C-alpha atoms as a PDB file:
ATOM      1  CA  UNK A   1       0.663 166.692  11.486  1.00  0.00           C
ATOM      2  CA  UNK A   2       0.743 169.640  13.890  1.00  0.00           C
ATOM      3  CA  UNK A   3       3.567 172.100  14.217  1.00  0.00           C
ATOM      4  CA  UNK A   4       4.643 174.194  17.194  1.00  0.00           C
ATOM      5  CA  UNK A   5       2.443 177.099  16.088  1.00  0.00           C
ATOM      6  CA  UNK A   6      -0.652 174.882  15.954  1.00  0.00           C
ATOM      7  CA  UNK A   7       0.069 173.600  19.454  1.00  0.00           C
ATOM      8  CA  UNK A   8       0.695 177.072  20.907  1.00  0.00           C
ATOM      9  CA  UNK A   9      -2.558 178.439  19.459  1.00  0.00           C
ATOM     10  CA  UNK A  10      -4.514 175.428  20.741  1.00  0.00           C
ATOM     11  CA  UNK A  11      -2.887 175.891  24.154  1.00  0.00           C
ATOM     12  CA  UNK A  12      -3.734 179.608  24.233  1.00  0.00           C
ATOM     13  CA  UNK A  13      -7.363 179.029  23.235  1.00  0.00           C
ATOM     14  CA  UNK A  14      -7.829 176.122  25.653  1.00  0.00           C
ATOM     15  CA  UNK A  15      -6.327 178.056  28.564  1.00  0.00           C
ATOM     16  CA  UNK A  16      -8.463 181.123  27.803  1.00  0.00           C
ATOM     17  CA  UNK A  17     -11.588 178.945  27.860  1.00  0.00           C
ATOM     18  CA  UNK A  18     -10.457 177.228  31.089  1.00  0.00           C
ATOM     19  CA  UNK A  19      -9.837 180.616  32.752  1.00  0.00           C
ATOM     20  CA  UNK A  20     -13.185 182.000  31.615  1.00  0.00           C
ATOM     21  CA  UNK A  21     -15.091 178.967  32.926  1.00  0.00           C
ATOM     22  CA  UNK A  22     -13.548 179.529  36.371  1.00  0.00           C
ATOM     23  CA  UNK A  23     -14.108 183.278  36.501  1.00  0.00           C
ATOM     24  CA  UNK A  24     -10.471 184.298  35.990  1.00  0.00           C
ATOM     25  CA  UNK A  25     -11.054 186.228  32.751  1.00  0.00           C
ATOM     26  CA  UNK A  26      -9.417 185.167  29.502  1.00  0.00           C
ATOM     27  CA  UNK A  27      -6.062 186.969  29.389  1.00  0.00           C
ATOM     28  CA  UNK A  28      -3.734 184.442  27.737  1.00  0.00           C
ATOM     29  CA  UNK A  29      -0.884 185.572  25.522  1.00  0.00           C
ATOM     30  CA  UNK A  30       1.778 183.904  23.386  1.00  0.00           C
ATOM     31  CA  UNK A  31       4.735 186.212  23.639  1.00  0.00           C
ATOM     32  CA  UNK A  32       8.448 186.111  24.177  1.00  0.00           C
ATOM     33  CA  UNK A  33       8.623 189.213  26.355  1.00  0.00           C
ATOM     34  CA  UNK A  34       6.440 190.656  29.113  1.00  0.00           C
ATOM     35  CA  UNK A  35       3.653 192.856  27.849  1.00  0.00           C
ATOM     36  CA  UNK A  36       3.261 196.474  28.854  1.00  0.00           C
ATOM     37  CA  UNK A  37      -0.445 196.658  29.511  1.00  0.00           C
ATOM     38  CA  UNK A  38      -2.328 194.105  31.594  1.00  0.00           C
ATOM     39  CA  UNK A  39      -5.986 194.581  32.434  1.00  0.00           C
ATOM     40  CA  UNK A  40      -6.911 191.427  34.341  1.00  0.00           C
ATOM     41  CA  UNK A  41      -6.155 190.212  37.852  1.00  0.00           C
ATOM     42  CA  UNK A  42      -4.884 186.959  36.337  1.00  0.00           C
ATOM     43  CA  UNK A  43      -2.994 186.536  33.074  1.00  0.00           C
ATOM     44  CA  UNK A  44      -1.038 183.684  31.508  1.00  0.00           C
ATOM     45  CA  UNK A  45       1.969 184.271  29.298  1.00  0.00           C
ATOM     46  CA  UNK A  46       3.080 181.359  27.097  1.00  0.00           C
ATOM     47  CA  UNK A  47       6.746 181.492  26.120  1.00  0.00           C
ATOM     48  CA  UNK A  48       7.896 178.841  23.627  1.00  0.00           C
ATOM     49  CA  UNK A  49      11.258 177.205  24.277  1.00  0.00           C
ATOM     50  CA  UNK A  50      13.541 175.818  21.543  1.00  0.00           C
ATOM     51  CA  UNK A  51      12.613 172.545  19.844  1.00  0.00           C
ATOM     52  CA  UNK A  52      15.021 169.634  19.597  1.00  0.00           C
ATOM     53  CA  UNK A  53      14.973 166.939  16.956  1.00  0.00           C
ATOM     54  CA  UNK A  54      14.452 163.936  19.192  1.00  0.00           C
ATOM     55  CA  UNK A  55      12.427 163.382  22.336  1.00  0.00           C
ATOM     56  CA  UNK A  56      14.142 161.155  24.938  1.00  0.00           C
ATOM     57  CA  UNK A  57      11.078 158.870  25.043  1.00  0.00           C
ATOM     58  CA  UNK A  58      11.364 157.932  21.382  1.00  0.00           C
ATOM     59  CA  UNK A  59      13.533 157.787  18.357  1.00  0.00           C
ATOM     60  CA  UNK A  60      13.687 159.904  15.254  1.00  0.00           C
ATOM     61  CA  UNK A  61      10.527 161.773  14.259  1.00  0.00           C
ATOM     62  CA  UNK A  62       9.267 163.041  17.581  1.00  0.00           C
ATOM     63  CA  UNK A  63       9.993 166.700  18.253  1.00  0.00           C
ATOM     64  CA  UNK A  64      10.768 167.639  21.836  1.00  0.00           C
ATOM     65  CA  UNK A  65       9.451 171.061  22.699  1.00  0.00           C
ATOM     66  CA  UNK A  66       8.412 173.047  25.703  1.00  0.00           C
ATOM     67  CA  UNK A  67       6.894 176.175  27.078  1.00  0.00           C
ATOM     68  CA  UNK A  68       7.437 178.402  30.030  1.00  0.00           C
ATOM     69  CA  UNK A  69       4.113 179.406  31.529  1.00  0.00           C
ATOM     70  CA  UNK A  70       4.305 182.715  33.367  1.00  0.00           C
ATOM     71  CA  UNK A  71       1.398 183.509  35.644  1.00  0.00           C
ATOM     72  CA  UNK A  72       0.812 187.215  36.138  1.00  0.00           C
ATOM     73  CA  UNK A  73      -1.281 188.209  39.143  1.00  0.00           C
ATOM     74  CA  UNK A  74      -2.363 191.657  40.257  1.00  0.00           C
ATOM     75  CA  UNK A  75      -3.629 192.528  43.704  1.00  0.00           C
ATOM     76  CA  UNK A  76      -4.707 196.126  43.976  1.00  0.00           C
ATOM     77  CA  UNK A  77      -6.504 195.610  47.289  1.00  0.00           C
ATOM     78  CA  UNK A  78      -3.251 195.138  49.155  1.00  0.00           C
ATOM     79  CA  UNK A  79      -1.740 198.619  49.552  1.00  0.00           C
ATOM     80  CA  UNK A  80       0.496 197.426  52.383  1.00  0.00           C
ATOM     81  CA  UNK A  81       1.969 194.645  50.175  1.00  0.00           C
ATOM     82  CA  UNK A  82       1.161 191.921  52.708  1.00  0.00           C
ATOM     83  CA  UNK A  83       2.606 188.817  51.118  1.00  0.00           C
ATOM     84  CA  UNK A  84       0.444 186.236  52.871  1.00  0.00           C
ATOM     85  CA  UNK A  85      -2.816 187.214  51.188  1.00  0.00           C
ATOM     86  CA  UNK A  86      -1.217 188.102  47.861  1.00  0.00           C
ATOM     87  CA  UNK A  87       0.572 184.783  47.670  1.00  0.00           C
ATOM     88  CA  UNK A  88      -1.450 182.248  49.641  1.00  0.00           C
ATOM     89  CA  UNK A  89      -4.852 183.889  50.082  1.00  0.00           C
ATOM     90  CA  UNK A  90      -7.932 182.358  48.474  1.00  0.00           C
ATOM     91  CA  UNK A  91      -7.574 184.573  45.390  1.00  0.00           C
ATOM     92  CA  UNK A  92      -3.774 184.811  45.553  1.00  0.00           C
ATOM     93  CA  UNK A  93      -1.233 183.838  42.952  1.00  0.00           C
ATOM     94  CA  UNK A  94      -0.200 180.478  44.465  1.00  0.00           C
ATOM     95  CA  UNK A  95      -3.672 178.857  44.557  1.00  0.00           C
ATOM     96  CA  UNK A  96      -4.118 179.894  40.905  1.00  0.00           C
ATOM     97  CA  UNK A  97      -0.723 178.396  40.021  1.00  0.00           C
ATOM     98  CA  UNK A  98      -1.653 175.145  41.774  1.00  0.00           C
ATOM     99  CA  UNK A  99      -4.917 174.629  39.890  1.00  0.00           C
ATOM    100  CA  UNK A 100      -3.272 175.611  36.604  1.00  0.00           C
ATOM    101  CA  UNK A 101      -0.501 173.042  37.129  1.00  0.00           C
ATOM    102  CA  UNK A 102      -3.080 170.349  37.851  1.00  0.00           C
ATOM    103  CA  UNK A 103      -4.931 171.297  34.678  1.00  0.00           C
ATOM    104  CA  UNK A 104      -1.863 171.339  32.408  1.00  0.00           C
ATOM    105  CA  UNK A 105      -0.147 168.123  33.467  1.00  0.00           C
ATOM    106  CA  UNK A 106      -0.889 165.321  30.988  1.00  0.00           C
ATOM    107  CA  UNK A 107      -2.817 167.617  28.578  1.00  0.00           C
ATOM    108  CA  UNK A 108      -2.424 166.876  24.863  1.00  0.00           C
ATOM    109  CA  UNK A 109      -4.608 169.755  23.590  1.00  0.00           C
ATOM    110  CA  UNK A 110      -6.914 167.697  21.438  1.00  0.00           C
ATOM    111  CA  UNK A 111      -4.327 165.042  20.646  1.00  0.00           C
ATOM    112  CA  UNK A 112      -1.850 167.439  19.041  1.00  0.00           C
ATOM    113  CA  UNK A 113       0.884 166.167  21.366  1.00  0.00           C
ATOM    114  CA  UNK A 114       2.049 162.555  21.403  1.00  0.00           C
ATOM    115  CA  UNK A 115       3.910 163.109  24.670  1.00  0.00           C
ATOM    116  CA  UNK A 116       1.586 165.099  26.959  1.00  0.00           C
ATOM    117  CA  UNK A 117       2.532 168.196  28.924  1.00  0.00           C
ATOM    118  CA  UNK A 118       5.048 167.250  31.594  1.00  0.00           C
ATOM    119  CA  UNK A 119       5.808 169.579  34.494  1.00  0.00           C
ATOM    120  CA  UNK A 120       9.576 170.161  34.636  1.00  0.00           C
ATOM    121  CA  UNK A 121      10.067 172.823  37.277  1.00  0.00           C
ATOM    122  CA  UNK A 122       8.224 175.527  39.090  1.00  0.00           C
ATOM    123  CA  UNK A 123       9.221 179.040  39.807  1.00  0.00           C
ATOM    124  CA  UNK A 124       9.088 181.245  42.844  1.00  0.00           C
ATOM    125  CA  UNK A 125       6.717 184.127  43.396  1.00  0.00           C
ATOM    126  CA  UNK A 126       8.433 187.302  42.243  1.00  0.00           C
ATOM    127  CA  UNK A 127       7.335 190.920  42.484  1.00  0.00           C
ATOM    128  CA  UNK A 128       7.421 192.727  39.138  1.00  0.00           C
ATOM    129  CA  UNK A 129       9.714 195.775  39.243  1.00  0.00           C
ATOM    130  CA  UNK A 130       8.007 199.077  38.389  1.00  0.00           C
ATOM    131  CA  UNK A 131       4.545 197.433  38.300  1.00  0.00           C
ATOM    132  CA  UNK A 132       2.908 197.942  41.691  1.00  0.00           C
ATOM    133  CA  UNK A 133       0.785 195.043  42.861  1.00  0.00           C
ATOM    134  CA  UNK A 134       1.982 192.557  40.211  1.00  0.00           C
ATOM    135  CA  UNK A 135       3.506 189.160  41.017  1.00  0.00           C
ATOM    136  CA  UNK A 136       4.661 186.395  38.664  1.00  0.00           C
ATOM    137  CA  UNK A 137       5.433 182.693  38.833  1.00  0.00           C
ATOM    138  CA  UNK A 138       7.260 180.980  35.954  1.00  0.00           C
ATOM    139  CA  UNK A 139       6.834 177.219  35.419  1.00  0.00           C
ATOM    140  CA  UNK A 140       8.450 175.047  32.730  1.00  0.00           C
ATOM    141  CA  UNK A 141       6.725 172.231  30.840  1.00  0.00           C
ATOM    142  CA  UNK A 142       7.883 169.825  28.154  1.00  0.00           C
ATOM    143  CA  UNK A 143       5.941 167.899  25.509  1.00  0.00           C
ATOM    144  CA  UNK A 144       6.513 165.971  22.289  1.00  0.00           C
ATOM    145  CA  UNK A 145       4.799 165.888  18.912  1.00  0.00           C
ATOM    146  CA  UNK A 146       5.342 164.023  15.690  1.00  0.00           C
ATOM    147  CA  UNK A 147       7.219 165.907  13.017  1.00  0.00           C
ATOM    148  CA  UNK A 148       5.940 166.169   9.467  1.00  0.00           C
ATOM    149  CA  UNK A 149       8.038 164.209   7.021  1.00  0.00           C
ATOM    150  CA  UNK A 150       8.452 165.616   3.537  1.00  0.00           C
END
């Protein structure tokens, strides 16, 4: 039976491969706090949320868990901070968020989850204080997996 750590590592590795295949690099991190040094235009931060003992779609034995997915985007070619291109342009943060959401919804990461990734809510584009050119979007997802009985 998987545990949360197994699922988070599978998620990180799968997302890194997905990003690489699409030319976004492979900057995917499991961390509870923003990182100080980012080197890519696109990065994904996976933040685990607390588990609960029962998922609403089942009875005892199915752990309800979730993650916040924070998309980090850097646009250095926008010295005037023009929001339209940074947010909605072809290589902006919002188109990346849209394709990532489509990819994540209903994923089970190799069958590790019994209840697939479910999109719960999306965030708004936010400029990162003291980090010129960086924007973030934070989305929340929920999933369920079977607990190990001892």
